[in-house]
């Protein structure tokens, strides 16, 4: 009974408890630091990742997924960024999830890539699901309409528009966005 009471106390302490999160943070390693901040870029560059303690294992991904001991690559040299890229990295300690650092994420956006994005990006669904107010299934639409980017003047106007707005980049695994098991429709 005592073991059960201790486990229940631990579980209740753990559930949505800032004190538990704070205690957990004190056990975590420091998050990795990137040499380049997020934002818009026109030219390719290389990103260095630093971590403490020196020599710690840094794992990274470039597809928006979470880096783990089993997912991503081990960082060993600067990463070349030549196109729109979501770079995520964390520091691992003995492969234990609880002792990892928090994940650091940076979105490097190239406006020309955004304007030329395919309507069929690899790994994304071609349909978004049933319409809510009419019959049929919504066809996925990922690209900027080509008629809006057809001329240099239009592309320049779009570029200026992008640069005039703040960037909000929401990053998560694709499965969290396109998971029909959790749909409420």
C-alpha atoms as a PDB file:
ATOM      1  CA  UNK A   1       0.000   0.000   0.000  1.00  0.00           C
ATOM      2  CA  UNK A   2       2.828   2.378   0.820  1.00  0.00           C
ATOM      3  CA  UNK A   3       4.388   1.843  -2.634  1.00  0.00           C
ATOM      4  CA  UNK A   4       1.042   2.575  -4.275  1.00  0.00           C
ATOM      5  CA  UNK A   5       0.612   5.765  -2.221  1.00  0.00           C
ATOM      6  CA  UNK A   6       4.116   6.952  -3.145  1.00  0.00           C
ATOM      7  CA  UNK A   7       3.500   6.229  -6.832  1.00  0.00           C
ATOM      8  CA  UNK A   8       0.156   8.064  -6.717  1.00  0.00           C
ATOM      9  CA  UNK A   9       1.797  11.039  -4.996  1.00  0.00           C
ATOM     10  CA  UNK A  10       4.541  11.075  -7.628  1.00  0.00           C
ATOM     11  CA  UNK A  11       1.995  10.871 -10.461  1.00  0.00           C
ATOM     12  CA  UNK A  12      -0.073  13.721  -9.018  1.00  0.00           C
ATOM     13  CA  UNK A  13       3.063  15.784  -8.457  1.00  0.00           C
ATOM     14  CA  UNK A  14       4.084  15.161 -12.048  1.00  0.00           C
ATOM     15  CA  UNK A  15       0.758  16.038 -13.718  1.00  0.00           C
ATOM     16  CA  UNK A  16       0.782  19.668 -14.904  1.00  0.00           C
ATOM     17  CA  UNK A  17       2.957  20.789 -12.036  1.00  0.00           C
ATOM     18  CA  UNK A  18       5.337  23.731 -12.565  1.00  0.00           C
ATOM     19  CA  UNK A  19       7.409  22.598  -9.563  1.00  0.00           C
ATOM     20  CA  UNK A  20       7.951  19.194 -11.187  1.00  0.00           C
ATOM     21  CA  UNK A  21       8.815  20.831 -14.516  1.00  0.00           C
ATOM     22  CA  UNK A  22      11.258  23.135 -12.726  1.00  0.00           C
ATOM     23  CA  UNK A  23      12.871  20.199 -10.924  1.00  0.00           C
ATOM     24  CA  UNK A  24      13.100  18.318 -14.214  1.00  0.00           C
ATOM     25  CA  UNK A  25      14.693  21.344 -15.891  1.00  0.00           C
ATOM     26  CA  UNK A  26      17.412  21.365 -13.227  1.00  0.00           C
ATOM     27  CA  UNK A  27      18.327  17.818 -14.316  1.00  0.00           C
ATOM     28  CA  UNK A  28      18.369  18.670 -18.011  1.00  0.00           C
ATOM     29  CA  UNK A  29      21.467  19.586 -19.891  1.00  0.00           C
ATOM     30  CA  UNK A  30      21.677  23.051 -21.429  1.00  0.00           C
ATOM     31  CA  UNK A  31      19.951  23.372 -24.796  1.00  0.00           C
ATOM     32  CA  UNK A  32      22.218  23.584 -27.850  1.00  0.00           C
ATOM     33  CA  UNK A  33      23.007  27.009 -29.309  1.00  0.00           C
ATOM     34  CA  UNK A  34      22.914  27.735 -33.058  1.00  0.00           C
ATOM     35  CA  UNK A  35      25.285  30.142 -34.788  1.00  0.00           C
ATOM     36  CA  UNK A  36      22.471  31.635 -36.930  1.00  0.00           C
ATOM     37  CA  UNK A  37      19.141  32.934 -35.740  1.00  0.00           C
ATOM     38  CA  UNK A  38      15.841  32.069 -37.426  1.00  0.00           C
ATOM     39  CA  UNK A  39      14.389  34.254 -40.180  1.00  0.00           C
ATOM     40  CA  UNK A  40      14.609  35.032 -43.887  1.00  0.00           C
ATOM     41  CA  UNK A  41      17.796  34.370 -45.846  1.00  0.00           C
ATOM     42  CA  UNK A  42      18.789  34.998 -49.483  1.00  0.00           C
ATOM     43  CA  UNK A  43      22.117  33.176 -49.560  1.00  0.00           C
ATOM     44  CA  UNK A  44      23.286  29.761 -48.388  1.00  0.00           C
ATOM     45  CA  UNK A  45      25.201  29.557 -45.111  1.00  0.00           C
ATOM     46  CA  UNK A  46      26.513  27.014 -42.604  1.00  0.00           C
ATOM     47  CA  UNK A  47      25.080  26.612 -39.102  1.00  0.00           C
ATOM     48  CA  UNK A  48      27.318  25.570 -36.232  1.00  0.00           C
ATOM     49  CA  UNK A  49      25.803  24.018 -33.121  1.00  0.00           C
ATOM     50  CA  UNK A  50      27.494  24.322 -29.747  1.00  0.00           C
ATOM     51  CA  UNK A  51      26.628  22.379 -26.624  1.00  0.00           C
ATOM     52  CA  UNK A  52      27.707  21.976 -23.027  1.00  0.00           C
ATOM     53  CA  UNK A  53      29.469  20.065 -21.758  1.00  0.00           C
ATOM     54  CA  UNK A  54      31.967  20.130 -24.585  1.00  0.00           C
ATOM     55  CA  UNK A  55      31.927  16.799 -26.366  1.00  0.00           C
ATOM     56  CA  UNK A  56      28.263  16.134 -25.554  1.00  0.00           C
ATOM     57  CA  UNK A  57      26.280  14.248 -28.188  1.00  0.00           C
ATOM     58  CA  UNK A  58      24.106  16.578 -30.249  1.00  0.00           C
ATOM     59  CA  UNK A  59      21.381  15.048 -32.422  1.00  0.00           C
ATOM     60  CA  UNK A  60      19.584  17.091 -35.101  1.00  0.00           C
ATOM     61  CA  UNK A  61      16.895  16.841 -37.761  1.00  0.00           C
ATOM     62  CA  UNK A  62      16.023  18.970 -40.780  1.00  0.00           C
ATOM     63  CA  UNK A  63      12.473  17.695 -41.397  1.00  0.00           C
ATOM     64  CA  UNK A  64      10.619  19.183 -38.409  1.00  0.00           C
ATOM     65  CA  UNK A  65      10.659  15.941 -36.418  1.00  0.00           C
ATOM     66  CA  UNK A  66      12.073  15.714 -32.899  1.00  0.00           C
ATOM     67  CA  UNK A  67      15.707  14.652 -32.683  1.00  0.00           C
ATOM     68  CA  UNK A  68      16.232  11.649 -30.406  1.00  0.00           C
ATOM     69  CA  UNK A  69      18.753   8.898 -29.950  1.00  0.00           C
ATOM     70  CA  UNK A  70      16.870   6.986 -32.671  1.00  0.00           C
ATOM     71  CA  UNK A  71      15.806   9.843 -34.975  1.00  0.00           C
ATOM     72  CA  UNK A  72      18.049  12.302 -36.792  1.00  0.00           C
ATOM     73  CA  UNK A  73      21.774  12.624 -37.244  1.00  0.00           C
ATOM     74  CA  UNK A  74      24.666  13.140 -34.868  1.00  0.00           C
ATOM     75  CA  UNK A  75      26.169  16.606 -35.267  1.00  0.00           C
ATOM     76  CA  UNK A  76      29.868  16.585 -36.125  1.00  0.00           C
ATOM     77  CA  UNK A  77      30.447  19.637 -38.357  1.00  0.00           C
ATOM     78  CA  UNK A  78      28.574  22.767 -39.526  1.00  0.00           C
ATOM     79  CA  UNK A  79      25.349  22.076 -41.420  1.00  0.00           C
ATOM     80  CA  UNK A  80      24.979  23.696 -44.838  1.00  0.00           C
ATOM     81  CA  UNK A  81      21.628  25.470 -45.287  1.00  0.00           C
ATOM     82  CA  UNK A  82      20.862  26.181 -48.950  1.00  0.00           C
ATOM     83  CA  UNK A  83      17.047  26.144 -48.943  1.00  0.00           C
ATOM     84  CA  UNK A  84      14.145  26.573 -46.537  1.00  0.00           C
ATOM     85  CA  UNK A  85      15.053  24.369 -43.583  1.00  0.00           C
ATOM     86  CA  UNK A  86      13.650  23.632 -40.140  1.00  0.00           C
ATOM     87  CA  UNK A  87      16.626  22.685 -37.988  1.00  0.00           C
ATOM     88  CA  UNK A  88      16.001  21.064 -34.596  1.00  0.00           C
ATOM     89  CA  UNK A  89      18.668  19.864 -32.164  1.00  0.00           C
ATOM     90  CA  UNK A  90      19.049  18.533 -28.640  1.00  0.00           C
ATOM     91  CA  UNK A  91      21.825  17.306 -26.389  1.00  0.00           C
ATOM     92  CA  UNK A  92      21.651  13.666 -25.320  1.00  0.00           C
ATOM     93  CA  UNK A  93      22.979  12.170 -22.135  1.00  0.00           C
ATOM     94  CA  UNK A  94      23.301   8.403 -22.132  1.00  0.00           C
ATOM     95  CA  UNK A  95      20.253   8.162 -24.417  1.00  0.00           C
ATOM     96  CA  UNK A  96      17.921   8.891 -21.503  1.00  0.00           C
ATOM     97  CA  UNK A  97      15.043  11.161 -22.557  1.00  0.00           C
ATOM     98  CA  UNK A  98      14.684  12.685 -19.088  1.00  0.00           C
ATOM     99  CA  UNK A  99      18.267  13.952 -19.089  1.00  0.00           C
ATOM    100  CA  UNK A 100      18.225  15.458 -22.571  1.00  0.00           C
ATOM    101  CA  UNK A 101      18.247  19.161 -23.113  1.00  0.00           C
ATOM    102  CA  UNK A 102      15.216  20.963 -24.387  1.00  0.00           C
ATOM    103  CA  UNK A 103      14.978  20.937 -28.183  1.00  0.00           C
ATOM    104  CA  UNK A 104      16.208  24.078 -29.933  1.00  0.00           C
ATOM    105  CA  UNK A 105      14.431  24.869 -33.212  1.00  0.00           C
ATOM    106  CA  UNK A 106      15.250  27.390 -35.917  1.00  0.00           C
ATOM    107  CA  UNK A 107      13.339  27.985 -39.157  1.00  0.00           C
ATOM    108  CA  UNK A 108      15.503  29.299 -41.992  1.00  0.00           C
ATOM    109  CA  UNK A 109      13.217  30.639 -44.713  1.00  0.00           C
ATOM    110  CA  UNK A 110      14.215  31.375 -48.294  1.00  0.00           C
ATOM    111  CA  UNK A 111      11.466  33.422 -49.965  1.00  0.00           C
ATOM    112  CA  UNK A 112      12.222  32.051 -53.435  1.00  0.00           C
ATOM    113  CA  UNK A 113      11.652  28.530 -52.039  1.00  0.00           C
ATOM    114  CA  UNK A 114       8.357  29.606 -50.520  1.00  0.00           C
ATOM    115  CA  UNK A 115       7.181  31.106 -53.816  1.00  0.00           C
ATOM    116  CA  UNK A 116       8.185  27.951 -55.730  1.00  0.00           C
ATOM    117  CA  UNK A 117       7.003  25.363 -53.203  1.00  0.00           C
ATOM    118  CA  UNK A 118       5.511  22.267 -54.785  1.00  0.00           C
ATOM    119  CA  UNK A 119       1.824  21.544 -54.403  1.00  0.00           C
ATOM    120  CA  UNK A 120       2.837  17.944 -53.587  1.00  0.00           C
ATOM    121  CA  UNK A 121       5.592  18.061 -50.963  1.00  0.00           C
ATOM    122  CA  UNK A 122       7.021  14.664 -50.106  1.00  0.00           C
ATOM    123  CA  UNK A 123       5.427  13.027 -47.086  1.00  0.00           C
ATOM    124  CA  UNK A 124       2.352  15.259 -46.951  1.00  0.00           C
ATOM    125  CA  UNK A 125      -1.212  14.121 -47.702  1.00  0.00           C
ATOM    126  CA  UNK A 126      -2.847  15.018 -51.021  1.00  0.00           C
ATOM    127  CA  UNK A 127      -6.234  15.468 -49.310  1.00  0.00           C
ATOM    128  CA  UNK A 128      -7.044  17.326 -46.105  1.00  0.00           C
ATOM    129  CA  UNK A 129     -10.263  15.500 -45.322  1.00  0.00           C
ATOM    130  CA  UNK A 130     -14.003  15.968 -45.744  1.00  0.00           C
ATOM    131  CA  UNK A 131     -15.505  19.414 -46.104  1.00  0.00           C
ATOM    132  CA  UNK A 132     -17.487  20.532 -43.064  1.00  0.00           C
ATOM    133  CA  UNK A 133     -20.308  22.277 -44.917  1.00  0.00           C
ATOM    134  CA  UNK A 134     -20.534  20.552 -48.287  1.00  0.00           C
ATOM    135  CA  UNK A 135     -19.990  17.111 -49.720  1.00  0.00           C
ATOM    136  CA  UNK A 136     -16.624  15.925 -50.932  1.00  0.00           C
ATOM    137  CA  UNK A 137     -13.050  15.911 -49.748  1.00  0.00           C
ATOM    138  CA  UNK A 138     -10.791  18.959 -49.597  1.00  0.00           C
ATOM    139  CA  UNK A 139      -7.822  18.701 -51.956  1.00  0.00           C
ATOM    140  CA  UNK A 140      -4.568  19.721 -50.265  1.00  0.00           C
ATOM    141  CA  UNK A 141      -3.083  23.016 -51.483  1.00  0.00           C
ATOM    142  CA  UNK A 142       0.478  23.759 -50.369  1.00  0.00           C
ATOM    143  CA  UNK A 143       1.808  25.998 -53.149  1.00  0.00           C
ATOM    144  CA  UNK A 144       1.558  29.702 -53.808  1.00  0.00           C
ATOM    145  CA  UNK A 145      -0.651  30.106 -56.852  1.00  0.00           C
ATOM    146  CA  UNK A 146       1.639  30.306 -59.915  1.00  0.00           C
ATOM    147  CA  UNK A 147      -0.409  33.114 -61.444  1.00  0.00           C
ATOM    148  CA  UNK A 148       0.555  35.265 -58.433  1.00  0.00           C
ATOM    149  CA  UNK A 149       4.269  34.634 -58.871  1.00  0.00           C
ATOM    150  CA  UNK A 150       4.385  34.731 -62.692  1.00  0.00           C
ATOM    151  CA  UNK A 151       6.114  38.088 -63.198  1.00  0.00           C
ATOM    152  CA  UNK A 152       9.194  39.668 -61.646  1.00  0.00           C
ATOM    153  CA  UNK A 153       7.096  42.618 -60.419  1.00  0.00           C
ATOM    154  CA  UNK A 154       4.697  40.271 -58.623  1.00  0.00           C
ATOM    155  CA  UNK A 155       7.525  38.273 -57.078  1.00  0.00           C
ATOM    156  CA  UNK A 156       9.212  41.496 -55.890  1.00  0.00           C
ATOM    157  CA  UNK A 157       5.948  42.681 -54.347  1.00  0.00           C
ATOM    158  CA  UNK A 158       5.487  39.336 -52.568  1.00  0.00           C
ATOM    159  CA  UNK A 159       9.102  39.441 -51.330  1.00  0.00           C
ATOM    160  CA  UNK A 160       8.579  42.934 -49.872  1.00  0.00           C
ATOM    161  CA  UNK A 161       5.343  41.749 -48.283  1.00  0.00           C
ATOM    162  CA  UNK A 162       7.035  38.789 -46.607  1.00  0.00           C
ATOM    163  CA  UNK A 163       9.860  40.964 -45.296  1.00  0.00           C
ATOM    164  CA  UNK A 164       7.394  43.491 -43.854  1.00  0.00           C
ATOM    165  CA  UNK A 165       5.696  40.878 -41.653  1.00  0.00           C
ATOM    166  CA  UNK A 166       6.920  39.190 -38.486  1.00  0.00           C
ATOM    167  CA  UNK A 167       7.667  35.486 -38.841  1.00  0.00           C
ATOM    168  CA  UNK A 168       5.700  32.943 -36.833  1.00  0.00           C
ATOM    169  CA  UNK A 169       6.896  29.404 -37.433  1.00  0.00           C
ATOM    170  CA  UNK A 170       4.961  26.543 -35.850  1.00  0.00           C
ATOM    171  CA  UNK A 171       7.053  23.382 -35.925  1.00  0.00           C
ATOM    172  CA  UNK A 172       5.920  19.872 -35.071  1.00  0.00           C
ATOM    173  CA  UNK A 173       6.046  16.354 -36.430  1.00  0.00           C
ATOM    174  CA  UNK A 174       3.846  15.958 -39.537  1.00  0.00           C
ATOM    175  CA  UNK A 175       1.914  13.235 -37.754  1.00  0.00           C
ATOM    176  CA  UNK A 176       0.599  15.703 -35.201  1.00  0.00           C
ATOM    177  CA  UNK A 177      -0.886  17.897 -37.935  1.00  0.00           C
ATOM    178  CA  UNK A 178      -2.182  15.217 -40.277  1.00  0.00           C
ATOM    179  CA  UNK A 179      -3.362  12.601 -37.798  1.00  0.00           C
ATOM    180  CA  UNK A 180      -6.980  11.738 -38.641  1.00  0.00           C
ATOM    181  CA  UNK A 181      -7.291   9.538 -35.548  1.00  0.00           C
ATOM    182  CA  UNK A 182      -7.500  12.720 -33.465  1.00  0.00           C
ATOM    183  CA  UNK A 183      -9.811  14.675 -35.780  1.00  0.00           C
ATOM    184  CA  UNK A 184     -13.069  15.836 -34.250  1.00  0.00           C
ATOM    185  CA  UNK A 185     -14.930  15.884 -37.591  1.00  0.00           C
END
